[in-house]
């Protein structure tokens, strides 16, 4: 669900995907109502639709056009890591934690170098181009993800799963037969 509702500048990134074990966590189509969270309030509502293509959820409609797709990867304590697929070639891959708040309701938190201690940042961050913290390995990603997971975050994104037209159709058909 992605860095979908987030502006991720200043967070960790990589020059390409790091994680390869993506899971089909939400079925073949995913329609989302997205909000950015600031100071405990939801702002900037936007809807986006993604379609599972066997490897990633590819953008198929609505907003969030700067995120061409994303993959979902199981992580620790019931959370998942979201890995973006940039819409334009040459853009970086970014990462977020996906935390389930209730069924179909998720908090999306950018994995941020600032959540880690100075020795971790010094050992793992490379400052390349406009990147605040460029990483290259799964171990580096997991170190920063654990640091972000350990912090309380009021800001980030809120993603709510919505039924799309395909999900609604069987109900309409059933209603006509009654």
Protein backbone atom coordinates (compact mmCIF):
# COMPACT_ATOMS: atom_id res chain seq x y z
CA UNK A 1 0.00 0.00 0.00
CA UNK A 2 2.68 1.98 -0.43
CA UNK A 3 4.44 5.01 0.13
CA UNK A 4 1.24 5.83 -1.52
CA UNK A 5 0.09 8.42 0.93
CA UNK A 6 3.52 9.69 1.79
CA UNK A 7 6.02 12.20 0.62
CA UNK A 8 9.23 10.34 1.20
CA UNK A 9 11.93 12.92 0.68
CA UNK A 10 14.69 12.50 3.24
CA UNK A 11 14.01 8.80 3.83
CA UNK A 12 16.09 5.82 2.85
CA UNK A 13 16.19 4.81 -0.80
CA UNK A 14 18.02 2.50 -3.16
CA UNK A 15 18.95 2.67 -6.81
CA UNK A 16 16.68 -0.33 -7.49
CA UNK A 17 14.64 -3.04 -5.75
CA UNK A 18 16.29 -4.82 -2.83
CA UNK A 19 13.55 -7.29 -1.87
CA UNK A 20 12.46 -10.03 -4.27
CA UNK A 21 9.98 -12.03 -2.18
CA UNK A 22 6.83 -10.04 -2.94
CA UNK A 23 3.48 -11.44 -1.82
CA UNK A 24 0.01 -11.02 -3.30
CA UNK A 25 -1.33 -9.59 -0.06
CA UNK A 26 -4.52 -7.97 -1.36
CA UNK A 27 -5.81 -10.04 -4.27
CA UNK A 28 -5.88 -9.18 -7.97
CA UNK A 29 -7.16 -5.58 -7.67
CA UNK A 30 -6.60 -3.05 -4.93
CA UNK A 31 -8.54 0.21 -4.65
CA UNK A 32 -7.35 2.55 -1.92
CA UNK A 33 -8.51 5.73 -0.24
CA UNK A 34 -5.31 7.44 0.85
CA UNK A 35 -4.59 10.24 3.28
CA UNK A 36 -1.44 11.86 4.57
CA UNK A 37 -1.29 11.97 8.37
CA UNK A 38 0.06 15.10 10.04
CA UNK A 39 -0.22 15.90 13.74
CA UNK A 40 -2.89 13.25 14.22
CA UNK A 41 -5.17 14.45 11.40
CA UNK A 42 -5.88 12.99 7.97
CA UNK A 43 -5.23 15.38 5.05
CA UNK A 44 -5.04 15.33 1.25
CA UNK A 45 -7.52 12.55 0.36
CA UNK A 46 -6.77 10.70 -2.85
CA UNK A 47 -7.89 7.41 -4.44
CA UNK A 48 -5.71 5.05 -6.44
CA UNK A 49 -6.17 1.61 -7.97
CA UNK A 50 -3.49 -1.05 -8.38
CA UNK A 51 -3.55 -4.42 -10.14
CA UNK A 52 -1.46 -7.45 -9.17
CA UNK A 53 0.66 -8.55 -12.14
CA UNK A 54 2.32 -11.57 -10.54
CA UNK A 55 5.23 -9.60 -9.08
CA UNK A 56 3.98 -6.15 -8.02
CA UNK A 57 0.85 -4.08 -7.61
CA UNK A 58 1.03 -1.90 -10.75
CA UNK A 59 -0.73 1.48 -10.86
CA UNK A 60 -3.89 1.12 -12.93
CA UNK A 61 -5.92 4.21 -12.14
CA UNK A 62 -6.55 7.25 -10.00
CA UNK A 63 -4.00 9.36 -8.19
CA UNK A 64 -0.50 8.58 -6.97
CA UNK A 65 0.84 8.51 -10.52
CA UNK A 66 4.38 9.06 -9.25
CA UNK A 67 4.28 5.54 -7.75
CA UNK A 68 4.25 3.20 -10.75
CA UNK A 69 3.73 0.24 -8.47
CA UNK A 70 4.80 -1.39 -5.25
CA UNK A 71 5.57 -4.75 -3.77
CA UNK A 72 4.63 -6.09 -0.33
CA UNK A 73 7.10 -8.08 1.79
CA UNK A 74 6.40 -9.77 5.11
CA UNK A 75 8.42 -8.32 7.97
CA UNK A 76 8.47 -8.63 11.74
CA UNK A 77 5.74 -8.22 14.37
CA UNK A 78 2.96 -8.57 11.78
CA UNK A 79 4.12 -5.57 9.73
CA UNK A 80 5.12 -5.58 6.08
CA UNK A 81 7.67 -3.61 4.10
CA UNK A 82 6.46 -1.75 1.04
CA UNK A 83 8.96 -1.27 -1.79
CA UNK A 84 8.01 1.26 -4.45
CA UNK A 85 8.46 0.91 -8.16
CA UNK A 86 9.03 4.41 -9.54
CA UNK A 87 6.84 5.60 -12.39
CA UNK A 88 9.81 7.06 -14.28
CA UNK A 89 13.11 5.43 -15.10
CA UNK A 90 16.00 6.84 -13.10
CA UNK A 91 13.97 7.53 -9.97
CA UNK A 92 14.86 5.73 -6.77
CA UNK A 93 13.13 2.88 -4.96
CA UNK A 94 11.76 3.89 -1.56
CA UNK A 95 10.52 1.90 1.42
CA UNK A 96 7.83 2.07 4.10
CA UNK A 97 6.38 -0.03 6.88
CA UNK A 98 2.78 -1.15 6.50
CA UNK A 99 1.07 -1.57 9.87
CA UNK A 100 -2.47 -2.96 10.09
CA UNK A 101 -4.73 -0.84 12.31
CA UNK A 102 -7.95 -2.77 11.56
CA UNK A 103 -9.12 -5.02 8.75
CA UNK A 104 -8.59 -3.03 5.55
CA UNK A 105 -7.09 -0.02 7.39
CA UNK A 106 -3.34 0.56 7.39
CA UNK A 107 -0.81 3.07 8.64
CA UNK A 108 2.03 3.60 6.16
CA UNK A 109 5.25 4.89 7.72
CA UNK A 110 8.27 5.88 5.66
CA UNK A 111 11.40 4.03 6.76
CA UNK A 112 13.51 6.95 7.90
CA UNK A 113 17.22 7.15 8.57
CA UNK A 114 16.53 9.58 11.43
CA UNK A 115 14.92 6.74 13.42
CA UNK A 116 18.24 4.87 13.58
CA UNK A 117 21.16 5.67 15.84
CA UNK A 118 24.25 7.50 14.58
CA UNK A 119 26.46 4.35 14.26
CA UNK A 120 23.82 2.68 12.03
CA UNK A 121 23.49 5.77 9.85
CA UNK A 122 27.28 6.13 9.59
CA UNK A 123 27.74 2.47 8.66
CA UNK A 124 24.86 2.08 6.20
CA UNK A 125 24.00 5.45 4.61
CA UNK A 126 25.69 6.51 1.42
CA UNK A 127 25.03 10.06 0.33
CA UNK A 128 24.62 9.91 -3.44
CA UNK A 129 23.09 12.58 -5.67
CA UNK A 130 19.98 13.92 -3.92
CA UNK A 131 19.62 10.89 -1.64
CA UNK A 132 19.62 11.51 2.09
CA UNK A 133 20.48 7.86 2.75
CA UNK A 134 21.13 5.38 -0.07
CA UNK A 135 21.18 1.71 0.94
CA UNK A 136 22.12 -1.40 -1.04
CA UNK A 137 21.31 -4.54 0.95
CA UNK A 138 18.48 -6.35 2.69
CA UNK A 139 20.37 -6.21 6.01
CA UNK A 140 20.68 -2.43 5.75
CA UNK A 141 16.97 -2.11 4.93
CA UNK A 142 15.99 -4.33 7.87
CA UNK A 143 18.21 -2.36 10.29
CA UNK A 144 16.44 0.88 9.34
CA UNK A 145 13.00 -0.81 9.28
CA UNK A 146 13.53 -2.09 12.84
CA UNK A 147 14.55 1.39 13.97
CA UNK A 148 11.44 2.94 12.40
CA UNK A 149 9.25 0.18 13.81
CA UNK A 150 10.56 0.94 17.32
CA UNK A 151 9.45 4.59 17.13
CA UNK A 152 5.98 6.03 17.65
CA UNK A 153 4.87 7.86 14.49
CA UNK A 154 1.95 10.28 14.30
CA UNK A 155 2.80 11.33 10.74
CA UNK A 156 2.84 9.18 7.63
CA UNK A 157 -0.03 7.84 5.62
CA UNK A 158 -3.38 6.20 6.13
CA UNK A 159 -4.61 3.72 3.53
CA UNK A 160 -8.14 2.33 3.54
CA UNK A 161 -9.03 -0.52 1.24
CA UNK A 162 -12.20 0.12 -0.78
CA UNK A 163 -14.30 -2.29 -2.82
CA UNK A 164 -13.80 -1.74 -6.53
CA UNK A 165 -16.41 -2.32 -9.25
CA UNK A 166 -15.51 -6.03 -9.49
CA UNK A 167 -16.04 -6.45 -5.74
CA UNK A 168 -19.44 -4.70 -5.85
CA UNK A 169 -20.87 -6.55 -8.87
CA UNK A 170 -21.75 -9.83 -7.14
CA UNK A 171 -23.79 -7.94 -4.52
CA UNK A 172 -25.74 -6.07 -7.20
CA UNK A 173 -26.38 -9.29 -9.09
CA UNK A 174 -27.58 -11.00 -5.90
CA UNK A 175 -29.88 -8.09 -5.10
CA UNK A 176 -31.52 -8.33 -8.56
CA UNK A 177 -32.27 -12.01 -8.04
CA UNK A 178 -34.14 -11.47 -4.77
